[in-house]
Amino acid sequence: MKKCFLLFFLFLLIGCQAEETESFVESNGSYQAELTIRGVTYMSLGQWNEGQYTIEEEIGEVKTKVDLDYRGDAPEGISSNYLNEGTPIYSVQQYSDVFLAEREDGTYEIFD
């Protein structure tokens, strides 16, 4: 009987912790860095500066920085919920759906 009670208590404890974690994420807002180009949204894969991709050309710069949770129509031009206005955006030779954003520290953020 004690073993059953102990198992029940452990399941109850684990379940309560999971609910608290979900509420914390929802209330604090965990957001993915996004870049929208011509109405298509690309997600950040992190930073790069090691020669994995070859820059093809600058396609423009971020024109609009939107709120983190913005879900309306994409603004004209290039927009991001993460990058600052004026951030240069580059296409790469290897893939037509991968873009690099040049950060102020000289590294590049990969968007796919």
Protein backbone atom coordinates (compact mmCIF):
# COMPACT_ATOMS: atom_id res chain seq x y z
CA MET A 1 0.00 0.00 0.00
CA LYS A 2 2.84 2.38 0.85
CA LYS A 3 4.42 1.78 -2.59
CA CYS A 4 1.13 2.66 -4.34
CA PHE A 5 0.78 5.83 -2.29
CA LEU A 6 4.40 6.80 -3.00
CA LEU A 7 3.96 6.24 -6.76
CA PHE A 8 0.72 8.25 -6.76
CA PHE A 9 2.43 11.07 -4.87
CA LEU A 10 5.37 11.12 -7.34
CA PHE A 11 3.03 11.25 -10.38
CA LEU A 12 1.06 14.05 -8.73
CA LEU A 13 4.23 15.98 -7.94
CA ILE A 14 5.62 15.61 -11.48
CA GLY A 15 2.29 16.64 -13.02
CA CYS A 16 2.11 19.81 -10.90
CA GLN A 17 5.65 20.79 -11.88
CA ALA A 18 4.84 20.36 -15.58
CA GLU A 19 1.80 22.65 -15.27
CA GLU A 20 3.87 25.34 -13.55
CA THR A 21 6.51 25.20 -16.30
CA GLU A 22 3.90 25.57 -19.07
CA SER A 23 2.32 28.56 -17.32
CA PHE A 24 5.72 30.19 -16.87
CA VAL A 25 6.56 29.89 -20.59
CA GLU A 26 3.14 31.21 -21.64
CA SER A 27 3.20 34.16 -19.27
CA ASN A 28 6.78 35.21 -20.00
CA GLY A 29 6.56 34.63 -23.76
CA SER A 30 9.26 32.52 -25.35
CA TYR A 31 9.67 33.71 -28.93
CA GLN A 32 11.64 32.58 -31.96
CA ALA A 33 13.68 35.17 -33.85
CA GLU A 34 12.03 35.68 -37.24
CA LEU A 35 12.90 37.43 -40.49
CA THR A 36 10.19 38.09 -43.09
CA ILE A 37 11.19 38.67 -46.72
CA ARG A 38 8.55 39.15 -49.44
CA GLY A 39 5.87 37.71 -47.16
CA VAL A 40 7.81 34.52 -46.30
CA THR A 41 8.95 34.09 -42.69
CA TYR A 42 12.31 32.49 -41.91
CA MET A 43 13.41 31.29 -38.44
CA SER A 44 16.81 31.89 -36.88
CA LEU A 45 19.16 28.93 -36.65
CA GLY A 46 21.68 30.87 -34.55
CA GLN A 47 24.91 32.75 -35.28
CA TRP A 48 27.59 31.92 -37.78
CA ASN A 49 30.96 33.28 -38.82
CA GLU A 50 32.94 30.18 -39.83
CA GLY A 51 32.64 30.00 -43.64
CA GLN A 52 29.73 27.54 -43.77
CA TYR A 53 27.88 29.73 -46.28
CA THR A 54 29.19 31.98 -49.04
CA ILE A 55 27.52 35.38 -49.27
CA GLU A 56 26.09 35.96 -52.72
CA GLU A 57 24.74 39.52 -52.48
CA GLU A 58 23.06 42.00 -50.17
CA ILE A 59 19.32 41.79 -50.84
CA GLY A 60 18.37 44.71 -48.59
CA GLU A 61 18.07 45.68 -44.97
CA VAL A 62 15.50 45.33 -42.23
CA LYS A 63 12.98 48.13 -42.79
CA THR A 64 10.63 47.36 -39.89
CA LYS A 65 11.17 45.85 -36.47
CA VAL A 66 7.85 44.36 -35.32
CA ASP A 67 6.73 43.32 -31.83
CA LEU A 68 7.90 39.90 -30.65
CA ASP A 69 4.40 38.45 -30.80
CA TYR A 70 3.29 40.23 -34.02
CA ARG A 71 1.06 37.96 -36.13
CA GLY A 72 -0.58 40.36 -38.60
CA ASP A 73 0.15 40.89 -42.26
CA ALA A 74 3.83 41.27 -43.04
CA PRO A 75 4.91 44.89 -43.47
CA GLU A 76 6.29 45.97 -46.86
CA GLY A 77 9.93 45.10 -47.40
CA ILE A 78 12.03 43.13 -44.95
CA SER A 79 10.89 42.93 -41.33
CA SER A 80 11.98 41.14 -38.17
CA ASN A 81 10.87 40.67 -34.59
CA TYR A 82 14.52 40.35 -33.55
CA LEU A 83 16.84 42.33 -35.81
CA ASN A 84 17.17 46.09 -35.62
CA GLU A 85 16.08 48.33 -38.46
CA GLY A 86 18.96 48.84 -40.89
CA THR A 87 20.47 45.36 -40.38
CA PRO A 88 21.91 44.18 -43.75
CA ILE A 89 20.46 40.93 -45.13
CA TYR A 90 22.38 38.70 -47.56
CA SER A 91 21.48 35.77 -49.82
CA VAL A 92 23.90 32.82 -49.91
CA GLN A 93 25.21 30.85 -52.88
CA GLN A 94 24.46 27.40 -51.45
CA TYR A 95 20.68 27.71 -50.81
CA SER A 96 17.96 30.00 -52.12
CA ASP A 97 16.01 29.82 -48.86
CA VAL A 98 18.84 30.67 -46.42
CA PHE A 99 19.67 34.26 -45.52
CA LEU A 100 22.33 35.86 -43.34
CA ALA A 101 21.82 38.94 -41.21
CA GLU A 102 25.01 40.84 -40.39
CA ARG A 103 25.13 41.65 -36.70
CA GLU A 104 26.90 44.68 -35.21
CA ASP A 105 29.68 42.46 -33.80
CA GLY A 106 30.60 41.12 -37.27
CA THR A 107 28.94 37.71 -36.86
CA TYR A 108 26.02 36.53 -38.96
CA GLU A 109 22.63 35.26 -37.86
CA ILE A 110 21.38 32.39 -40.06
CA PHE A 111 17.73 32.41 -41.12
CA ASP A 112 16.15 29.41 -42.83
